[in-house]
Amino acid sequence: EEVDDVPVRRETPSKRKRSEEDSATPSKKSRPDILQPESLPTPVDVDEDRYKHFMGLLNKCVFEKNQATELEMSVIKTYLAKTEKKKPFSDAEIDTCIERMSDENKVMRSDDTIFIIV
């Protein structure tokens, strides 16, 4: 009988387990059951005058709602549709303006509620 001097390499349990999992389980990136962040609407360009007009209308909306500190998006959209007849704001424009106001710390958005920062 001849004995080799080459050491026998064994897989550690963790390596063996990991390689077995990799072959049976799809990678985390491709698993559809993992929650994906909600895709936000594609931002549109809103010029400075339109943005200022939006802020003015939003301030009037807040004032008419008894100095509300928070408003639902549905209330804001209804108010804008009622008051801006010449060139109504699209949903994408509204979202872009709210996002910009949020970046400027004028409002904070949580789902469909807009909190006015004073």
N, C-alpha and C. Protein backbone atom coordinates (compact mmCIF):
# COMPACT_ATOMS: atom_id res chain seq x y z
N GLU A 1 0.82 -1.19 0.00
CA GLU A 1 0.00 0.00 0.00
C GLU A 1 0.86 1.24 0.00
N GLU A 2 0.42 2.19 -0.83
CA GLU A 2 1.16 3.43 -0.95
C GLU A 2 0.33 4.58 -0.37
N VAL A 3 0.93 5.46 0.42
CA VAL A 3 0.22 6.59 1.03
C VAL A 3 0.73 7.87 0.39
N ASP A 4 -0.21 8.67 -0.10
CA ASP A 4 0.17 9.96 -0.70
C ASP A 4 0.46 10.97 0.41
N ASP A 5 1.42 11.83 0.16
CA ASP A 5 1.71 12.89 1.11
C ASP A 5 0.80 14.12 0.89
N VAL A 6 -0.06 14.06 -0.12
CA VAL A 6 -0.94 15.19 -0.41
C VAL A 6 -2.11 15.16 0.57
N PRO A 7 -2.31 16.26 1.31
CA PRO A 7 -3.41 16.26 2.28
C PRO A 7 -4.77 16.25 1.55
N VAL A 8 -5.68 15.54 2.13
CA VAL A 8 -7.02 15.47 1.55
C VAL A 8 -7.76 16.74 1.97
N ARG A 9 -8.31 17.40 0.95
CA ARG A 9 -9.01 18.66 1.24
C ARG A 9 -10.50 18.37 1.37
N ARG A 10 -11.04 18.71 2.50
CA ARG A 10 -12.47 18.52 2.74
C ARG A 10 -13.14 19.89 2.79
N GLU A 11 -14.38 19.89 2.33
CA GLU A 11 -15.14 21.14 2.41
C GLU A 11 -15.63 21.31 3.84
N THR A 12 -15.53 22.51 4.31
CA THR A 12 -16.09 22.76 5.62
C THR A 12 -17.60 22.74 5.49
N PRO A 13 -18.33 22.46 6.54
CA PRO A 13 -19.79 22.40 6.45
C PRO A 13 -20.40 23.69 5.91
N SER A 14 -19.85 24.84 6.30
CA SER A 14 -20.44 26.10 5.84
C SER A 14 -20.29 26.25 4.33
N LYS A 15 -19.13 25.87 3.78
CA LYS A 15 -18.95 25.97 2.34
C LYS A 15 -19.88 25.00 1.61
N ARG A 16 -19.97 23.80 2.13
CA ARG A 16 -20.82 22.80 1.49
C ARG A 16 -22.27 23.27 1.52
N LYS A 17 -22.71 23.79 2.66
CA LYS A 17 -24.09 24.25 2.80
C LYS A 17 -24.36 25.40 1.86
N ARG A 18 -23.43 26.35 1.79
CA ARG A 18 -23.61 27.51 0.94
C ARG A 18 -23.69 27.11 -0.53
N SER A 19 -22.84 26.22 -0.96
CA SER A 19 -22.86 25.82 -2.37
C SER A 19 -24.13 25.04 -2.70
N GLU A 20 -24.64 24.27 -1.75
CA GLU A 20 -25.89 23.56 -1.99
C GLU A 20 -27.04 24.54 -2.09
N GLU A 21 -27.04 25.57 -1.22
CA GLU A 21 -28.10 26.57 -1.27
C GLU A 21 -28.07 27.34 -2.57
N ASP A 22 -26.87 27.68 -3.04
CA ASP A 22 -26.74 28.44 -4.27
C ASP A 22 -27.33 27.69 -5.46
N SER A 23 -27.17 26.41 -5.47
CA SER A 23 -27.67 25.66 -6.61
C SER A 23 -29.19 25.47 -6.54
N ALA A 24 -29.76 25.47 -5.34
CA ALA A 24 -31.19 25.22 -5.21
C ALA A 24 -32.01 26.51 -5.07
N THR A 25 -31.41 27.58 -4.61
CA THR A 25 -32.14 28.81 -4.33
C THR A 25 -31.67 29.90 -5.29
N PRO A 26 -32.60 30.61 -5.90
CA PRO A 26 -32.15 31.72 -6.76
C PRO A 26 -31.50 32.81 -5.93
N SER A 27 -30.65 33.59 -6.55
CA SER A 27 -29.98 34.65 -5.80
C SER A 27 -31.00 35.67 -5.32
N LYS A 28 -30.63 36.41 -4.29
CA LYS A 28 -31.55 37.38 -3.70
C LYS A 28 -31.99 38.42 -4.73
N LYS A 29 -31.11 38.75 -5.66
CA LYS A 29 -31.44 39.77 -6.65
C LYS A 29 -32.58 39.33 -7.56
N SER A 30 -32.70 38.06 -7.81
CA SER A 30 -33.71 37.61 -8.77
C SER A 30 -34.97 37.06 -8.10
N ARG A 31 -35.02 37.10 -6.77
CA ARG A 31 -36.20 36.57 -6.09
C ARG A 31 -37.34 37.57 -6.14
N PRO A 32 -38.48 37.17 -6.69
CA PRO A 32 -39.60 38.11 -6.81
C PRO A 32 -40.34 38.35 -5.51
N ASP A 33 -40.15 37.49 -4.49
CA ASP A 33 -40.91 37.64 -3.26
C ASP A 33 -40.33 38.71 -2.33
N ILE A 34 -39.16 39.22 -2.64
CA ILE A 34 -38.57 40.28 -1.82
C ILE A 34 -39.22 41.59 -2.21
N LEU A 35 -39.58 42.39 -1.22
CA LEU A 35 -40.24 43.66 -1.50
C LEU A 35 -39.34 44.59 -2.29
N GLN A 36 -39.90 45.16 -3.32
CA GLN A 36 -39.19 46.13 -4.13
C GLN A 36 -39.71 47.51 -3.78
N PRO A 37 -38.85 48.53 -3.80
CA PRO A 37 -39.36 49.87 -3.52
C PRO A 37 -40.37 50.27 -4.59
N GLU A 38 -41.38 51.00 -4.15
CA GLU A 38 -42.42 51.43 -5.07
C GLU A 38 -41.81 52.36 -6.09
N SER A 39 -42.10 52.10 -7.36
CA SER A 39 -41.52 52.95 -8.39
C SER A 39 -42.26 54.28 -8.41
N LEU A 40 -41.51 55.33 -8.32
CA LEU A 40 -42.08 56.66 -8.31
C LEU A 40 -42.29 57.12 -9.75
N PRO A 41 -43.26 58.00 -9.95
CA PRO A 41 -43.47 58.50 -11.31
C PRO A 41 -42.23 59.21 -11.81
N THR A 42 -42.02 59.14 -13.11
CA THR A 42 -40.87 59.80 -13.69
C THR A 42 -41.03 61.31 -13.54
N PRO A 43 -40.02 61.96 -12.94
CA PRO A 43 -40.15 63.40 -12.74
C PRO A 43 -40.18 64.14 -14.08
N VAL A 44 -40.95 65.18 -14.12
CA VAL A 44 -41.02 66.01 -15.32
C VAL A 44 -40.40 67.36 -15.00
N ASP A 45 -40.03 68.08 -16.02
CA ASP A 45 -39.47 69.41 -15.82
C ASP A 45 -40.59 70.40 -15.55
N VAL A 46 -40.45 71.14 -14.46
CA VAL A 46 -41.41 72.19 -14.12
C VAL A 46 -40.61 73.47 -14.02
N ASP A 47 -40.96 74.46 -14.86
CA ASP A 47 -40.18 75.70 -14.83
C ASP A 47 -40.46 76.49 -13.55
N GLU A 48 -39.62 77.46 -13.30
CA GLU A 48 -39.65 78.20 -12.03
C GLU A 48 -40.99 78.90 -11.82
N ASP A 49 -41.54 79.54 -12.88
CA ASP A 49 -42.82 80.24 -12.73
C ASP A 49 -43.95 79.28 -12.39
N ARG A 50 -43.95 78.12 -13.03
CA ARG A 50 -45.00 77.12 -12.77
C ARG A 50 -44.87 76.58 -11.34
N TYR A 51 -43.64 76.38 -10.90
CA TYR A 51 -43.38 75.91 -9.54
C TYR A 51 -43.87 76.94 -8.51
N LYS A 52 -43.57 78.20 -8.74
CA LYS A 52 -44.02 79.25 -7.82
C LYS A 52 -45.55 79.36 -7.82
N HIS A 53 -46.16 79.19 -8.99
CA HIS A 53 -47.61 79.20 -9.09
C HIS A 53 -48.20 78.04 -8.27
N PHE A 54 -47.57 76.86 -8.39
CA PHE A 54 -48.01 75.69 -7.62
C PHE A 54 -47.92 75.98 -6.12
N MET A 55 -46.79 76.54 -5.69
CA MET A 55 -46.63 76.84 -4.26
C MET A 55 -47.68 77.84 -3.78
N GLY A 56 -47.99 78.83 -4.60
CA GLY A 56 -49.01 79.81 -4.24
C GLY A 56 -50.38 79.15 -4.07
N LEU A 57 -50.73 78.27 -5.01
CA LEU A 57 -52.01 77.57 -4.92
C LEU A 57 -52.04 76.64 -3.71
N LEU A 58 -50.93 75.98 -3.44
CA LEU A 58 -50.87 75.09 -2.27
C LEU A 58 -51.04 75.89 -0.98
N ASN A 59 -50.42 77.07 -0.91
CA ASN A 59 -50.58 77.92 0.28
C ASN A 59 -52.03 78.36 0.45
N LYS A 60 -52.71 78.70 -0.66
CA LYS A 60 -54.13 79.07 -0.58
C LYS A 60 -54.96 77.88 -0.11
N CYS A 61 -54.61 76.69 -0.59
CA CYS A 61 -55.32 75.47 -0.17
C CYS A 61 -55.17 75.27 1.33
N VAL A 62 -53.95 75.43 1.84
CA VAL A 62 -53.69 75.30 3.28
C VAL A 62 -54.50 76.33 4.05
N PHE A 63 -54.52 77.58 3.56
CA PHE A 63 -55.25 78.65 4.23
C PHE A 63 -56.75 78.35 4.27
N GLU A 64 -57.30 77.85 3.14
CA GLU A 64 -58.73 77.56 3.08
C GLU A 64 -59.12 76.38 3.97
N LYS A 65 -58.16 75.53 4.28
CA LYS A 65 -58.43 74.38 5.15
C LYS A 65 -58.07 74.71 6.59
N ASN A 66 -58.31 75.96 6.98
CA ASN A 66 -58.08 76.42 8.36
C ASN A 66 -56.64 76.22 8.82
N GLN A 67 -55.71 76.70 8.01
CA GLN A 67 -54.29 76.62 8.34
C GLN A 67 -53.85 75.18 8.63
N ALA A 68 -54.30 74.26 7.80
CA ALA A 68 -53.99 72.84 8.00
C ALA A 68 -52.48 72.62 8.02
N THR A 69 -52.05 71.70 8.87
CA THR A 69 -50.63 71.35 8.91
C THR A 69 -50.36 70.10 8.09
N GLU A 70 -51.43 69.41 7.70
CA GLU A 70 -51.27 68.24 6.84
C GLU A 70 -52.47 68.14 5.92
N LEU A 71 -52.20 67.68 4.70
CA LEU A 71 -53.25 67.54 3.69
C LEU A 71 -53.06 66.22 2.95
N GLU A 72 -54.15 65.60 2.60
CA GLU A 72 -54.09 64.39 1.77
C GLU A 72 -53.85 64.83 0.32
N MET A 73 -53.14 63.98 -0.43
CA MET A 73 -52.88 64.30 -1.84
C MET A 73 -54.19 64.47 -2.61
N SER A 74 -55.20 63.69 -2.27
CA SER A 74 -56.48 63.80 -2.99
C SER A 74 -57.09 65.19 -2.80
N VAL A 75 -56.94 65.77 -1.59
CA VAL A 75 -57.46 67.12 -1.31
C VAL A 75 -56.69 68.14 -2.15
N ILE A 76 -55.38 67.98 -2.20
CA ILE A 76 -54.54 68.91 -2.96
C ILE A 76 -54.89 68.84 -4.45
N LYS A 77 -55.00 67.62 -4.97
CA LYS A 77 -55.30 67.45 -6.40
C LYS A 77 -56.68 68.00 -6.75
N THR A 78 -57.65 67.77 -5.88
CA THR A 78 -59.00 68.30 -6.11
C THR A 78 -58.99 69.82 -6.11
N TYR A 79 -58.27 70.39 -5.15
CA TYR A 79 -58.18 71.85 -5.05
C TYR A 79 -57.51 72.43 -6.31
N LEU A 80 -56.41 71.82 -6.74
CA LEU A 80 -55.70 72.31 -7.92
C LEU A 80 -56.57 72.20 -9.17
N ALA A 81 -57.31 71.11 -9.30
CA ALA A 81 -58.19 70.93 -10.46
C ALA A 81 -59.30 71.98 -10.46
N LYS A 82 -59.77 72.34 -9.28
CA LYS A 82 -60.87 73.32 -9.15
C LYS A 82 -60.38 74.73 -9.44
N THR A 83 -59.17 75.06 -9.00
CA THR A 83 -58.70 76.44 -9.10
C THR A 83 -57.88 76.73 -10.35
N GLU A 84 -57.23 75.76 -10.90
CA GLU A 84 -56.36 75.98 -12.07
C GLU A 84 -57.03 75.42 -13.32
N LYS A 85 -57.84 76.27 -13.97
CA LYS A 85 -58.61 75.84 -15.14
C LYS A 85 -57.83 76.04 -16.44
N LYS A 86 -57.04 77.13 -16.52
CA LYS A 86 -56.35 77.45 -17.78
C LYS A 86 -55.34 76.38 -18.17
N LYS A 87 -54.48 76.03 -17.24
CA LYS A 87 -53.44 75.03 -17.53
C LYS A 87 -53.34 74.10 -16.32
N PRO A 88 -54.21 73.08 -16.26
CA PRO A 88 -54.23 72.20 -15.08
C PRO A 88 -52.89 71.48 -14.86
N PHE A 89 -52.60 71.23 -13.61
CA PHE A 89 -51.38 70.50 -13.26
C PHE A 89 -51.61 69.00 -13.48
N SER A 90 -50.66 68.35 -14.13
CA SER A 90 -50.73 66.89 -14.29
C SER A 90 -50.26 66.24 -12.99
N ASP A 91 -50.58 64.97 -12.82
CA ASP A 91 -50.12 64.26 -11.61
C ASP A 91 -48.59 64.27 -11.53
N ALA A 92 -47.93 64.13 -12.68
CA ALA A 92 -46.46 64.13 -12.69
C ALA A 92 -45.92 65.49 -12.25
N GLU A 93 -46.57 66.57 -12.70
CA GLU A 93 -46.13 67.91 -12.28
C GLU A 93 -46.33 68.11 -10.78
N ILE A 94 -47.48 67.65 -10.29
CA ILE A 94 -47.76 67.77 -8.85
C ILE A 94 -46.71 67.01 -8.05
N ASP A 95 -46.42 65.78 -8.46
CA ASP A 95 -45.41 64.98 -7.75
C ASP A 95 -44.04 65.63 -7.80
N THR A 96 -43.69 66.19 -8.96
CA THR A 96 -42.39 66.86 -9.10
C THR A 96 -42.31 68.08 -8.19
N CYS A 97 -43.38 68.88 -8.15
CA CYS A 97 -43.39 70.07 -7.29
C CYS A 97 -43.33 69.69 -5.81
N ILE A 98 -44.10 68.67 -5.42
CA ILE A 98 -44.07 68.21 -4.02
C ILE A 98 -42.67 67.69 -3.67
N GLU A 99 -42.06 66.96 -4.59
CA GLU A 99 -40.71 66.43 -4.35
C GLU A 99 -39.71 67.58 -4.18
N ARG A 100 -39.82 68.58 -5.02
CA ARG A 100 -38.92 69.73 -4.92
C ARG A 100 -39.14 70.48 -3.61
N MET A 101 -40.39 70.67 -3.22
CA MET A 101 -40.69 71.33 -1.95
C MET A 101 -40.16 70.51 -0.78
N SER A 102 -40.22 69.20 -0.92
CA SER A 102 -39.68 68.32 0.12
C SER A 102 -38.17 68.48 0.22
N ASP A 103 -37.50 68.55 -0.93
CA ASP A 103 -36.04 68.76 -0.95
C ASP A 103 -35.66 70.09 -0.31
N GLU A 104 -36.55 71.07 -0.43
CA GLU A 104 -36.29 72.41 0.13
C GLU A 104 -36.83 72.53 1.57
N ASN A 105 -37.26 71.41 2.15
CA ASN A 105 -37.79 71.36 3.52
C ASN A 105 -39.01 72.26 3.74
N LYS A 106 -39.85 72.37 2.72
CA LYS A 106 -41.08 73.14 2.85
C LYS A 106 -42.26 72.23 3.18
N VAL A 107 -42.17 70.98 2.72
CA VAL A 107 -43.18 69.97 3.03
C VAL A 107 -42.48 68.64 3.28
N MET A 108 -43.22 67.73 3.87
CA MET A 108 -42.73 66.37 4.03
C MET A 108 -43.84 65.44 3.56
N ARG A 109 -43.47 64.45 2.77
CA ARG A 109 -44.47 63.53 2.23
C ARG A 109 -44.34 62.17 2.89
N SER A 110 -45.48 61.64 3.31
CA SER A 110 -45.53 60.29 3.84
C SER A 110 -46.73 59.61 3.18
N ASP A 111 -46.45 58.70 2.27
CA ASP A 111 -47.48 58.05 1.45
C ASP A 111 -48.31 59.11 0.74
N ASP A 112 -49.59 59.22 1.07
CA ASP A 112 -50.45 60.20 0.41
C ASP A 112 -50.76 61.40 1.29
N THR A 113 -49.97 61.61 2.33
CA THR A 113 -50.19 62.75 3.21
C THR A 113 -49.02 63.72 3.07
N ILE A 114 -49.36 64.98 2.91
CA ILE A 114 -48.35 66.04 2.81
C ILE A 114 -48.40 66.85 4.11
N PHE A 115 -47.25 66.93 4.78
CA PHE A 115 -47.15 67.70 6.02
C PHE A 115 -46.49 69.04 5.69
N ILE A 116 -47.13 70.10 6.10
CA ILE A 116 -46.61 71.45 5.83
C ILE A 116 -45.60 71.81 6.93
N ILE A 117 -44.41 72.16 6.53
CA ILE A 117 -43.36 72.55 7.49
C ILE A 117 -43.36 74.07 7.57
N VAL A 118 -43.56 74.56 8.80
CA VAL A 118 -43.63 76.03 8.98
C VAL A 118 -42.40 76.54 9.71
